[in-house]
Protein backbone atom coordinates (compact mmCIF):
# COMPACT_ATOMS: atom_id res chain seq x y z
CA MET A 1 201.68 138.20 3.29
CA PHE A 2 200.98 140.81 1.09
CA VAL A 3 203.85 143.24 0.54
CA GLU A 4 203.36 146.37 -1.00
CA ALA A 5 205.16 146.80 -4.28
CA MET A 6 205.42 148.16 -8.06
CA VAL A 7 203.81 145.32 -10.43
CA ARG A 8 203.72 145.30 -14.16
CA GLU A 9 201.22 142.70 -14.13
CA CYS A 10 198.12 140.96 -12.16
CA ASP A 11 198.15 137.32 -11.92
CA LEU A 12 194.60 137.25 -10.49
CA THR A 13 192.96 139.23 -13.53
CA GLY A 14 195.52 138.52 -16.28
CA ASN A 15 196.02 142.50 -16.62
CA ARG A 16 199.14 143.99 -17.70
CA TYR A 17 200.14 147.63 -16.97
CA ASP A 18 201.90 149.83 -19.63
CA THR A 19 203.83 151.19 -16.48
CA PRO A 20 204.37 149.82 -13.03
CA VAL A 21 201.43 150.29 -10.74
CA LYS A 22 201.38 150.36 -7.09
CA GLY A 23 200.39 146.88 -6.21
CA ALA A 24 201.56 143.93 -4.05
CA TRP A 25 203.58 140.61 -3.98
CA ALA A 26 201.92 137.72 -2.58
CA LEU A 27 204.52 135.93 -0.54
CA ALA A 28 204.51 132.14 0.63
CA GLN A 29 206.95 129.96 2.31
CA GLY A 30 208.05 127.11 0.24
CA ALA A 31 208.78 123.42 1.31
CA THR A 32 212.35 124.24 1.42
CA GLY A 33 211.67 127.23 3.99
CA ARG A 34 212.50 129.90 1.32
CA TRP A 35 209.89 132.89 1.64
CA CYS A 36 209.29 134.16 -2.13
CA ALA A 37 206.86 136.06 -4.33
CA VAL A 38 204.16 133.59 -5.91
CA MET A 39 201.76 136.14 -7.32
CA TYR A 40 201.83 139.76 -8.42
CA VAL A 41 198.57 141.32 -7.40
CA GLY A 42 196.99 144.60 -9.13
CA PRO A 43 195.72 147.58 -7.27
CA GLU A 44 192.14 146.38 -8.47
CA VAL A 45 192.21 143.71 -6.70
CA ILE A 46 193.65 144.96 -3.49
CA ALA A 47 190.73 147.51 -3.46
CA GLU A 48 188.00 145.00 -4.20
CA GLU A 49 189.28 142.41 -1.64
CA GLY A 50 190.47 144.66 1.14
CA TYR A 51 193.88 143.11 1.27
CA GLN A 52 196.17 144.91 4.00
CA LEU A 53 199.65 145.50 2.57
CA ILE A 54 202.63 145.38 4.58
CA SER A 55 206.05 147.49 3.94
CA TYR A 56 209.08 145.33 2.05
CA ASP A 57 210.91 145.87 5.69
CA ASP A 58 208.01 144.71 7.56
CA ALA A 59 207.98 141.62 5.65
CA VAL A 60 211.52 140.96 5.87
CA ALA A 61 211.24 141.31 9.76
CA ARG A 62 208.20 138.91 9.93
CA ALA A 63 209.58 136.23 7.44
CA THR A 64 212.89 136.30 9.61
CA GLU A 65 210.98 135.87 12.84
CA LEU A 66 209.08 132.95 11.23
CA GLY A 67 212.25 131.09 10.21
CA GLY A 68 213.73 130.21 6.55
CA GLU A 69 215.61 132.09 3.92
CA ILE A 70 214.09 135.37 2.44
CA ASP A 71 214.26 135.25 -1.58
CA PHE A 72 212.21 138.24 -2.34
């Protein structure tokens, strides 16, 4: 899941931004069942790859439906 969020860096490109930019958190469910952000994704990657972002509230709802704890 890619959740719309303000980010200060992109883990995929190594870019760091002077001020937060509109990017995304890449969420994953770990072995313990917790959902958490595992990477920060910058706007350039989102544009290049065409990732579809969801809102924070939609991410909470989906993670709740799928089970596990929410840690983001």
